[in-house]
Amino acid sequence: MTAAEVREVGAKPGSVLVIPVGSIEQHGEHLPVVTDSLLVEAMVDSAVEQTDGLPVVVSPTVWSGFSPHHLTFGGTLSLDFETIRATLEDIANTGLQNDFDAVLFVNGHGGNGPLIGSVVSTVGVETDAEVLGTTYFELATDRIEALRDTETGGMAHGGEFETSLMLAVRPDLVGDSSTRNGEPLHESYRWGGQDLLDGGSVSVYRSFDAYSETGAIGLPEEASAEKGERIRSIIAEELASLLDAVHEQNA
């Protein structure tokens, strides 16, 4: 898009600026370090295709997130919490100068969750535009739950969920079955997060090497491209519905 085209969309009633946020971090022996960024971008693109001409602009994906808990495995590029918060604030605030009525952060990395919530507040208090944030894999947990072949713990980091989506979105980047080695997540606190569909009510910091020898948590061997396509369809539908609602709320 040209600058003029961005301003033209921003000036329309109910316009929405979407900012995907991912990470660069290890995902076990079978998935690339760019997994979170690839998937959040693919989910946003699939959703926007269903919005039937809504005034929406999607920014380039913010590819680095908050991932210090992955550093022991290598392959991770992480930003300091304050650095990425300031970066997201600047992106949103300058983007909103194009007259968008709302900005929506779409997160694709679990470690960014508290960060997104913080940015929604710090940007929201300074602007008349509506500021929202979501993590895409939390949008339709009940519907995705019905698709899983694993018990709770199998859809954690690099497990059944993400591997299925990657097989649907970028199968050329997924390692063969011999590399798909994970183990179910076993959080010692029963209130803690158990996998991507069960974030838990208690947060606790642990380095990933406390959970896994390979860097993957969950059961990637239960993944399939067909399941990934069904998950992508569900998430795209839910995210498109959210964009519709944000547009109507601000038109």
Protein backbone atom coordinates (compact mmCIF):
# COMPACT_ATOMS: atom_id res chain seq x y z
CA MET A 1 0.00 0.00 0.00
CA THR A 2 1.05 3.59 -0.57
CA ALA A 3 0.88 6.18 2.19
CA ALA A 4 -2.14 7.72 0.49
CA GLU A 5 -3.92 4.36 0.42
CA VAL A 6 -3.28 3.83 4.13
CA ARG A 7 -4.69 7.28 4.95
CA GLU A 8 -7.69 6.63 2.71
CA VAL A 9 -8.59 3.46 4.62
CA GLY A 10 -7.90 5.11 7.98
CA ALA A 11 -10.33 7.93 7.19
CA LYS A 12 -13.24 5.55 6.63
CA PRO A 13 -15.78 5.07 9.46
CA GLY A 14 -14.96 2.12 11.66
CA SER A 15 -11.43 1.67 10.30
CA VAL A 16 -9.17 -0.80 12.08
CA LEU A 17 -5.39 -1.05 12.16
CA VAL A 18 -4.31 -4.64 12.88
CA ILE A 19 -0.85 -5.28 14.32
CA PRO A 20 0.23 -8.95 14.39
CA VAL A 21 2.85 -9.75 17.03
CA GLY A 22 4.93 -12.92 16.96
CA SER A 23 8.34 -14.10 18.13
CA ILE A 24 11.57 -15.71 17.02
CA GLU A 25 12.21 -18.64 19.33
CA GLN A 26 12.97 -22.33 19.33
CA HIS A 27 10.06 -24.70 18.71
CA GLY A 28 11.71 -28.06 19.24
CA GLU A 29 13.52 -30.13 16.66
CA HIS A 30 10.75 -30.11 14.03
CA LEU A 31 9.51 -26.50 13.70
CA PRO A 32 11.33 -23.32 12.62
CA VAL A 33 12.14 -20.51 15.02
CA VAL A 34 9.83 -18.21 13.03
CA THR A 35 6.75 -20.38 13.77
CA ASP A 36 4.87 -17.87 15.95
CA SER A 37 5.37 -15.02 13.51
CA LEU A 38 4.39 -17.12 10.49
CA LEU A 39 1.26 -18.44 12.16
CA VAL A 40 -0.08 -15.16 13.53
CA GLU A 41 0.41 -13.56 10.12
CA ALA A 42 -1.36 -16.44 8.39
CA MET A 43 -4.29 -16.31 10.84
CA VAL A 44 -4.70 -12.56 10.37
CA ASP A 45 -4.51 -12.82 6.58
CA SER A 46 -7.08 -15.64 6.54
CA ALA A 47 -9.43 -13.60 8.72
CA VAL A 48 -9.13 -10.41 6.69
CA GLU A 49 -10.00 -12.37 3.54
CA GLN A 50 -13.39 -13.07 5.16
CA THR A 51 -14.20 -9.50 6.19
CA ASP A 52 -15.77 -8.52 2.86
CA GLY A 53 -14.19 -5.14 2.28
CA LEU A 54 -14.05 -3.76 5.80
CA PRO A 55 -11.68 -0.77 6.20
CA VAL A 56 -8.79 -2.77 7.67
CA VAL A 57 -5.05 -2.32 7.28
CA VAL A 58 -2.68 -5.01 8.53
CA SER A 59 0.79 -3.87 9.52
CA PRO A 60 3.88 -5.99 8.90
CA THR A 61 4.23 -8.57 11.65
CA VAL A 62 6.29 -7.55 14.65
CA TRP A 63 8.56 -10.57 14.48
CA SER A 64 10.39 -10.44 17.82
CA GLY A 65 8.68 -10.92 21.15
CA PHE A 66 9.43 -11.55 24.82
CA SER A 67 11.08 -14.99 24.96
CA PRO A 68 13.79 -15.14 27.64
CA HIS A 69 12.43 -18.51 28.82
CA HIS A 70 13.58 -20.08 25.52
CA LEU A 71 17.17 -18.82 25.46
CA THR A 72 18.79 -21.97 26.86
CA PHE A 73 17.87 -23.90 23.69
CA GLY A 74 19.40 -21.37 21.31
CA GLY A 75 17.83 -20.02 18.12
CA THR A 76 15.91 -17.35 20.00
CA LEU A 77 15.89 -13.58 19.42
CA SER A 78 14.17 -11.91 22.35
CA LEU A 79 13.57 -8.29 23.24
CA ASP A 80 13.51 -6.84 26.74
CA PHE A 81 9.96 -6.35 28.04
CA GLU A 82 10.24 -2.56 28.16
CA THR A 83 11.85 -2.44 24.72
CA ILE A 84 9.10 -4.35 22.98
CA ARG A 85 6.39 -2.56 24.93
CA ALA A 86 7.80 0.79 23.79
CA THR A 87 8.10 -0.54 20.23
CA LEU A 88 4.46 -1.64 20.13
CA GLU A 89 3.33 1.62 21.67
CA ASP A 90 5.22 3.60 19.03
CA ILE A 91 3.84 1.47 16.18
CA ALA A 92 0.29 1.88 17.42
CA ASN A 93 0.54 5.58 18.20
CA THR A 94 2.10 6.49 14.86
CA GLY A 95 -0.28 4.21 13.00
CA LEU A 96 -3.25 5.89 14.65
CA GLN A 97 -2.09 9.22 13.22
CA ASN A 98 -3.60 7.94 9.97
CA ASP A 99 -7.06 8.44 11.54
CA PHE A 100 -7.88 4.81 12.30
CA ASP A 101 -10.80 4.44 14.68
CA ALA A 102 -9.38 1.34 16.34
CA VAL A 103 -6.18 -0.65 16.66
CA LEU A 104 -6.15 -4.38 17.31
CA PHE A 105 -3.03 -6.23 18.44
CA VAL A 106 -3.19 -9.91 17.45
CA ASN A 107 -0.69 -11.94 19.42
CA GLY A 108 0.78 -15.28 18.39
CA HIS A 109 3.13 -16.07 21.29
CA GLY A 110 2.09 -17.07 24.80
CA GLY A 111 4.96 -15.17 26.41
CA ASN A 112 3.65 -11.93 24.90
CA GLY A 113 0.28 -12.17 26.64
CA PRO A 114 0.99 -9.89 29.63
CA LEU A 115 2.85 -7.53 27.32
CA ILE A 116 -0.14 -7.12 24.99
CA GLY A 117 -2.43 -6.43 27.93
CA SER A 118 -0.04 -3.77 29.16
CA VAL A 119 0.20 -2.07 25.76
CA VAL A 120 -3.58 -2.02 25.35
CA SER A 121 -3.75 0.01 28.56
CA THR A 122 -0.81 2.34 27.93
CA VAL A 123 -1.90 3.17 24.38
CA GLY A 124 -5.60 3.23 25.22
CA VAL A 125 -5.24 5.83 27.96
CA GLU A 126 -3.58 8.25 25.54
CA THR A 127 -5.92 8.04 22.54
CA ASP A 128 -9.57 8.47 21.63
CA ALA A 129 -9.32 5.43 19.34
CA GLU A 130 -10.38 2.05 20.65
CA VAL A 131 -7.44 -0.19 21.55
CA LEU A 132 -7.83 -3.96 21.75
CA GLY A 133 -5.65 -7.03 22.03
CA THR A 134 -6.17 -10.76 21.60
CA THR A 135 -4.14 -13.94 21.36
CA TYR A 136 -5.41 -15.83 18.33
CA PHE A 137 -5.32 -19.32 19.84
CA GLU A 138 -7.51 -18.17 22.75
CA LEU A 139 -10.35 -16.99 20.50
CA ALA A 140 -12.06 -20.34 19.95
CA THR A 141 -10.77 -22.74 22.57
CA ASP A 142 -14.02 -24.69 22.91
CA ARG A 143 -14.27 -25.34 19.17
CA ILE A 144 -10.62 -26.29 18.83
CA GLU A 145 -10.83 -28.51 21.89
CA ALA A 146 -13.30 -30.67 20.00
CA LEU A 147 -10.70 -31.33 17.30
CA ARG A 148 -7.84 -32.47 19.49
CA ASP A 149 -6.60 -36.04 19.66
CA THR A 150 -4.49 -35.46 22.76
CA GLU A 151 -5.33 -34.93 26.39
CA THR A 152 -4.68 -31.59 28.08
CA GLY A 153 -0.96 -30.89 27.79
CA GLY A 154 -0.69 -32.17 24.22
CA MET A 155 -1.38 -28.81 22.58
CA ALA A 156 1.42 -26.91 24.24
CA HIS A 157 4.55 -25.34 22.68
CA GLY A 158 5.39 -27.04 19.39
CA GLY A 159 2.77 -29.71 20.08
CA GLU A 160 -0.34 -30.97 18.32
CA PHE A 161 -1.81 -27.49 17.75
CA GLU A 162 1.11 -25.54 16.33
CA THR A 163 2.49 -28.46 14.35
CA SER A 164 -0.90 -29.06 12.73
CA LEU A 165 -1.16 -25.39 11.76
CA MET A 166 2.35 -25.38 10.35
CA LEU A 167 1.58 -28.51 8.31
CA ALA A 168 -1.36 -26.59 6.85
CA VAL A 169 0.39 -23.24 6.38
CA ARG A 170 4.05 -24.05 5.64
CA PRO A 171 4.54 -27.83 5.42
CA ASP A 172 7.90 -27.29 3.74
CA LEU A 173 9.27 -25.97 7.04
CA VAL A 174 8.12 -28.89 9.21
CA GLY A 175 10.58 -31.65 10.05
CA ASP A 176 9.73 -35.26 9.28
CA SER A 177 8.18 -37.61 11.81
CA SER A 178 11.57 -38.62 13.24
CA THR A 179 12.06 -35.05 14.56
CA ARG A 180 8.59 -34.61 16.07
CA ASN A 181 9.59 -35.37 19.63
CA GLY A 182 7.70 -33.75 22.46
CA GLU A 183 6.25 -34.54 25.83
CA PRO A 184 2.98 -33.43 27.43
CA LEU A 185 3.17 -30.35 29.62
CA HIS A 186 2.99 -31.16 33.31
CA GLU A 187 2.74 -27.97 35.35
CA SER A 188 3.22 -28.65 39.05
CA TYR A 189 0.52 -26.19 40.11
CA ARG A 190 -2.97 -27.35 39.20
CA TRP A 191 -3.97 -23.71 38.68
CA GLY A 192 -1.15 -23.16 36.19
CA GLY A 193 -1.36 -23.24 32.41
CA GLN A 194 -1.53 -26.73 30.92
CA ASP A 195 -1.37 -25.96 27.20
CA LEU A 196 -2.35 -23.33 24.62
CA LEU A 197 -6.05 -23.98 25.18
CA ASP A 198 -5.79 -23.90 28.98
CA GLY A 199 -3.77 -20.90 30.08
CA GLY A 200 -4.54 -21.39 33.75
CA SER A 201 -5.33 -18.86 36.47
CA VAL A 202 -1.84 -18.66 37.98
CA SER A 203 1.27 -17.40 36.21
CA VAL A 204 4.71 -18.78 37.06
CA TYR A 205 8.06 -18.19 35.38
CA ARG A 206 10.07 -21.24 34.35
CA SER A 207 12.81 -21.68 31.79
CA PHE A 208 11.67 -24.10 29.09
CA ASP A 209 14.43 -26.56 29.89
CA ALA A 210 12.55 -27.25 33.12
CA TYR A 211 9.73 -28.70 31.03
CA SER A 212 11.36 -30.36 28.05
CA GLU A 213 14.62 -31.85 26.79
CA THR A 214 13.85 -31.01 23.15
CA GLY A 215 12.24 -27.59 23.53
CA ALA A 216 8.85 -28.90 22.40
CA ILE A 217 6.04 -29.45 24.87
CA GLY A 218 3.00 -31.43 23.77
CA LEU A 219 2.55 -34.22 21.27
CA PRO A 220 3.51 -33.11 17.75
CA GLU A 221 3.22 -36.70 16.54
CA GLU A 222 -0.57 -36.27 16.74
CA ALA A 223 -0.52 -33.35 14.30
CA SER A 224 -1.91 -33.42 10.76
CA ALA A 225 -2.37 -30.97 7.91
CA GLU A 226 -6.11 -31.73 7.77
CA LYS A 227 -6.48 -30.84 11.44
CA GLY A 228 -4.43 -27.71 10.85
CA GLU A 229 -6.74 -26.57 8.05
CA ARG A 230 -9.76 -27.05 10.28
CA ILE A 231 -8.10 -25.09 13.09
CA ARG A 232 -7.15 -22.30 10.68
CA SER A 233 -10.73 -22.11 9.40
CA ILE A 234 -12.11 -21.82 12.94
CA ILE A 235 -9.64 -19.16 14.02
CA ALA A 236 -10.12 -17.16 10.82
CA GLU A 237 -13.87 -17.20 11.32
CA GLU A 238 -13.62 -16.05 14.94
CA LEU A 239 -11.06 -13.36 14.20
CA ALA A 240 -13.11 -12.11 11.25
CA SER A 241 -16.14 -11.90 13.55
CA LEU A 242 -14.08 -9.87 16.00
CA LEU A 243 -12.99 -7.48 13.24
CA ASP A 244 -16.62 -7.10 12.15
CA ALA A 245 -17.63 -6.28 15.71
CA VAL A 246 -14.83 -3.75 16.18
CA HIS A 247 -15.75 -2.07 12.89
CA GLU A 248 -19.43 -1.82 13.83
CA GLN A 249 -18.60 -0.56 17.32
CA ASN A 250 -16.51 2.27 15.92
CA ALA A 251 -18.31 3.17 12.68
